[in-house]
Amino acid sequence: MPGSTSSNFEPGVKIILLDEARRQLEAEDAWWRMHRDARDLLLEEFAQALLHLSKLPEAGQRYRLCRGRLIQRWLMRRTHCHVYYLYDKQKDSLEIHSLWGARRRHGPPL
């Protein structure tokens, strides 16, 4: 957050938000702001998810293998969206691949 001096966010791993995930986050946030009273909830819950996953990157649910790599997902309970990500132990990084509504009958294209 610009101008913030909070030291509460000290990620344990490097977080990389891929372009497609960024577009999905922006689109979901725009929809949320137009249709919900709690306009900031999606971004707040996403920030909380990143904080949690940066400290416990293997906490997510195993989703599927994609090109030989394990994709995991984390449910943001209040907004009912999943964060789909890949944790790379060797690089100590967490790649966010997708933000996808949990109510859909299928997962995102990965």
C-alpha atoms as a PDB file:
ATOM      1  CA  MET A   1       0.000   0.000   0.000  1.00  0.00           C
ATOM      2  CA  PRO A   2       1.543   3.366  -0.966  1.00  0.00           C
ATOM      3  CA  GLY A   3       2.720   5.355   2.012  1.00  0.00           C
ATOM      4  CA  SER A   4       2.274   2.436   4.379  1.00  0.00           C
ATOM      5  CA  THR A   5       4.913   1.918   7.038  1.00  0.00           C
ATOM      6  CA  SER A   6       3.438  -1.294   8.397  1.00  0.00           C
ATOM      7  CA  SER A   7       5.964  -4.044   9.001  1.00  0.00           C
ATOM      8  CA  ASN A   8       3.312  -6.753   9.325  1.00  0.00           C
ATOM      9  CA  PHE A   9       3.816  -7.969   5.765  1.00  0.00           C
ATOM     10  CA  GLU A  10       7.147  -9.742   5.552  1.00  0.00           C
ATOM     11  CA  PRO A  11       6.715 -12.464   2.956  1.00  0.00           C
ATOM     12  CA  GLY A  12       8.481 -15.742   3.486  1.00  0.00           C
ATOM     13  CA  VAL A  13       8.615 -16.367  -0.262  1.00  0.00           C
ATOM     14  CA  LYS A  14       8.756 -14.183  -3.341  1.00  0.00           C
ATOM     15  CA  ILE A  15       5.264 -13.659  -4.785  1.00  0.00           C
ATOM     16  CA  ILE A  16       4.844 -13.335  -8.546  1.00  0.00           C
ATOM     17  CA  LEU A  17       1.461 -12.284  -9.902  1.00  0.00           C
ATOM     18  CA  LEU A  18       1.292 -13.482 -13.507  1.00  0.00           C
ATOM     19  CA  ASP A  19      -0.340 -11.222 -16.117  1.00  0.00           C
ATOM     20  CA  GLU A  20      -3.440 -13.403 -16.542  1.00  0.00           C
ATOM     21  CA  ALA A  21      -3.988 -13.506 -12.784  1.00  0.00           C
ATOM     22  CA  ARG A  22      -3.595  -9.723 -12.634  1.00  0.00           C
ATOM     23  CA  ARG A  23      -6.245  -9.281 -15.348  1.00  0.00           C
ATOM     24  CA  GLN A  24      -8.591 -11.663 -13.553  1.00  0.00           C
ATOM     25  CA  LEU A  25      -8.056  -9.860 -10.248  1.00  0.00           C
ATOM     26  CA  GLU A  26      -8.763  -6.477 -11.844  1.00  0.00           C
ATOM     27  CA  ALA A  27     -11.922  -7.774 -13.566  1.00  0.00           C
ATOM     28  CA  GLU A  28     -13.201  -9.495 -10.421  1.00  0.00           C
ATOM     29  CA  ASP A  29     -12.455  -6.409  -8.333  1.00  0.00           C
ATOM     30  CA  ALA A  30     -14.316  -4.162 -10.813  1.00  0.00           C
ATOM     31  CA  TRP A  31     -17.345  -6.500 -10.716  1.00  0.00           C
ATOM     32  CA  TRP A  32     -17.196  -6.696  -6.919  1.00  0.00           C
ATOM     33  CA  ARG A  33     -17.118  -2.899  -6.566  1.00  0.00           C
ATOM     34  CA  MET A  34     -20.145  -2.503  -8.858  1.00  0.00           C
ATOM     35  CA  HIS A  35     -22.286  -5.263  -7.320  1.00  0.00           C
ATOM     36  CA  ARG A  36     -21.402  -5.570  -3.639  1.00  0.00           C
ATOM     37  CA  ASP A  37     -21.661  -3.262  -0.648  1.00  0.00           C
ATOM     38  CA  ALA A  38     -18.294  -4.374   0.762  1.00  0.00           C
ATOM     39  CA  ARG A  39     -16.399  -2.904  -2.175  1.00  0.00           C
ATOM     40  CA  ASP A  40     -12.907  -3.449  -0.758  1.00  0.00           C
ATOM     41  CA  LEU A  41     -13.512  -6.998   0.442  1.00  0.00           C
ATOM     42  CA  LEU A  42     -12.008  -8.795  -2.572  1.00  0.00           C
ATOM     43  CA  LEU A  43      -8.714  -6.911  -2.433  1.00  0.00           C
ATOM     44  CA  GLU A  44      -8.570  -7.178   1.360  1.00  0.00           C
ATOM     45  CA  GLU A  45      -9.148 -10.919   1.270  1.00  0.00           C
ATOM     46  CA  PHE A  46      -6.655 -11.353  -1.582  1.00  0.00           C
ATOM     47  CA  ALA A  47      -3.994  -9.500   0.446  1.00  0.00           C
ATOM     48  CA  GLN A  48      -4.741 -11.740   3.442  1.00  0.00           C
ATOM     49  CA  ALA A  49      -4.455 -14.834   1.234  1.00  0.00           C
ATOM     50  CA  LEU A  50      -1.067 -13.695  -0.083  1.00  0.00           C
ATOM     51  CA  LEU A  51       0.171 -13.000   3.425  1.00  0.00           C
ATOM     52  CA  HIS A  52      -0.907 -16.452   4.595  1.00  0.00           C
ATOM     53  CA  LEU A  53       0.485 -18.254   1.548  1.00  0.00           C
ATOM     54  CA  SER A  54       3.773 -16.363   1.698  1.00  0.00           C
ATOM     55  CA  LYS A  55       4.336 -17.838   5.147  1.00  0.00           C
ATOM     56  CA  LEU A  56       2.775 -21.273   4.521  1.00  0.00           C
ATOM     57  CA  PRO A  57       3.022 -21.841   0.762  1.00  0.00           C
ATOM     58  CA  GLU A  58       2.097 -25.518   0.938  1.00  0.00           C
ATOM     59  CA  ALA A  59      -1.122 -24.829   2.866  1.00  0.00           C
ATOM     60  CA  GLY A  60      -3.285 -24.784  -0.257  1.00  0.00           C
ATOM     61  CA  GLN A  61      -5.335 -27.649  -1.577  1.00  0.00           C
ATOM     62  CA  ARG A  62      -3.658 -29.779  -4.230  1.00  0.00           C
ATOM     63  CA  TYR A  63      -5.489 -29.000  -7.471  1.00  0.00           C
ATOM     64  CA  ARG A  64      -3.764 -30.714 -10.403  1.00  0.00           C
ATOM     65  CA  LEU A  65      -0.534 -31.219 -12.271  1.00  0.00           C
ATOM     66  CA  CYS A  66       0.037 -28.779 -15.103  1.00  0.00           C
ATOM     67  CA  ARG A  67       3.046 -29.476 -17.328  1.00  0.00           C
ATOM     68  CA  GLY A  68       4.465 -31.675 -14.571  1.00  0.00           C
ATOM     69  CA  ARG A  69       4.123 -29.024 -11.862  1.00  0.00           C
ATOM     70  CA  LEU A  70       1.664 -29.055  -8.976  1.00  0.00           C
ATOM     71  CA  ILE A  71      -0.935 -26.306  -9.030  1.00  0.00           C
ATOM     72  CA  GLN A  72      -2.530 -25.620  -5.659  1.00  0.00           C
ATOM     73  CA  ARG A  73      -5.488 -23.475  -4.745  1.00  0.00           C
ATOM     74  CA  TRP A  74      -6.531 -21.439  -1.748  1.00  0.00           C
ATOM     75  CA  LEU A  75     -10.167 -20.576  -1.067  1.00  0.00           C
ATOM     76  CA  MET A  76     -10.947 -17.030  -0.055  1.00  0.00           C
ATOM     77  CA  ARG A  77     -14.018 -17.898   2.000  1.00  0.00           C
ATOM     78  CA  ARG A  78     -15.800 -14.552   2.145  1.00  0.00           C
ATOM     79  CA  THR A  79     -15.593 -13.786  -1.577  1.00  0.00           C
ATOM     80  CA  HIS A  80     -15.819 -17.419  -2.718  1.00  0.00           C
ATOM     81  CA  CYS A  81     -12.829 -17.109  -5.043  1.00  0.00           C
ATOM     82  CA  HIS A  82      -9.891 -19.468  -5.373  1.00  0.00           C
ATOM     83  CA  VAL A  83      -6.308 -18.325  -5.770  1.00  0.00           C
ATOM     84  CA  TYR A  84      -4.527 -20.830  -8.036  1.00  0.00           C
ATOM     85  CA  TYR A  85      -0.781 -20.891  -7.579  1.00  0.00           C
ATOM     86  CA  LEU A  86       2.453 -22.782  -8.058  1.00  0.00           C
ATOM     87  CA  TYR A  87       4.973 -22.976  -5.246  1.00  0.00           C
ATOM     88  CA  ASP A  88       8.570 -23.494  -6.366  1.00  0.00           C
ATOM     89  CA  LYS A  89      10.669 -24.619  -3.392  1.00  0.00           C
ATOM     90  CA  GLN A  90      13.977 -24.264  -5.218  1.00  0.00           C
ATOM     91  CA  LYS A  91      13.310 -20.643  -6.207  1.00  0.00           C
ATOM     92  CA  ASP A  92      11.434 -19.963  -2.957  1.00  0.00           C
ATOM     93  CA  SER A  93       8.693 -18.347  -5.030  1.00  0.00           C
ATOM     94  CA  LEU A  94       4.939 -18.466  -5.327  1.00  0.00           C
ATOM     95  CA  GLU A  95       3.470 -17.825  -8.792  1.00  0.00           C
ATOM     96  CA  ILE A  96      -0.159 -16.717  -8.766  1.00  0.00           C
ATOM     97  CA  HIS A  97      -1.663 -18.179 -11.938  1.00  0.00           C
ATOM     98  CA  SER A  98      -5.340 -17.391 -11.562  1.00  0.00           C
ATOM     99  CA  LEU A  99      -8.106 -15.905  -9.449  1.00  0.00           C
ATOM    100  CA  TRP A 100     -11.279 -17.833 -10.191  1.00  0.00           C
ATOM    101  CA  GLY A 101     -14.776 -17.935  -8.745  1.00  0.00           C
ATOM    102  CA  ALA A 102     -15.288 -21.076  -6.662  1.00  0.00           C
ATOM    103  CA  ARG A 103     -18.952 -21.298  -7.710  1.00  0.00           C
ATOM    104  CA  ARG A 104     -18.049 -22.045 -11.324  1.00  0.00           C
ATOM    105  CA  ARG A 105     -18.421 -25.674 -12.312  1.00  0.00           C
ATOM    106  CA  HIS A 106     -14.867 -25.881 -13.650  1.00  0.00           C
ATOM    107  CA  GLY A 107     -11.442 -24.500 -12.884  1.00  0.00           C
ATOM    108  CA  PRO A 108      -9.565 -21.855 -14.861  1.00  0.00           C
ATOM    109  CA  PRO A 109      -7.538 -22.548 -17.978  1.00  0.00           C
ATOM    110  CA  LEU A 110      -3.972 -23.039 -16.745  1.00  0.00           C
END
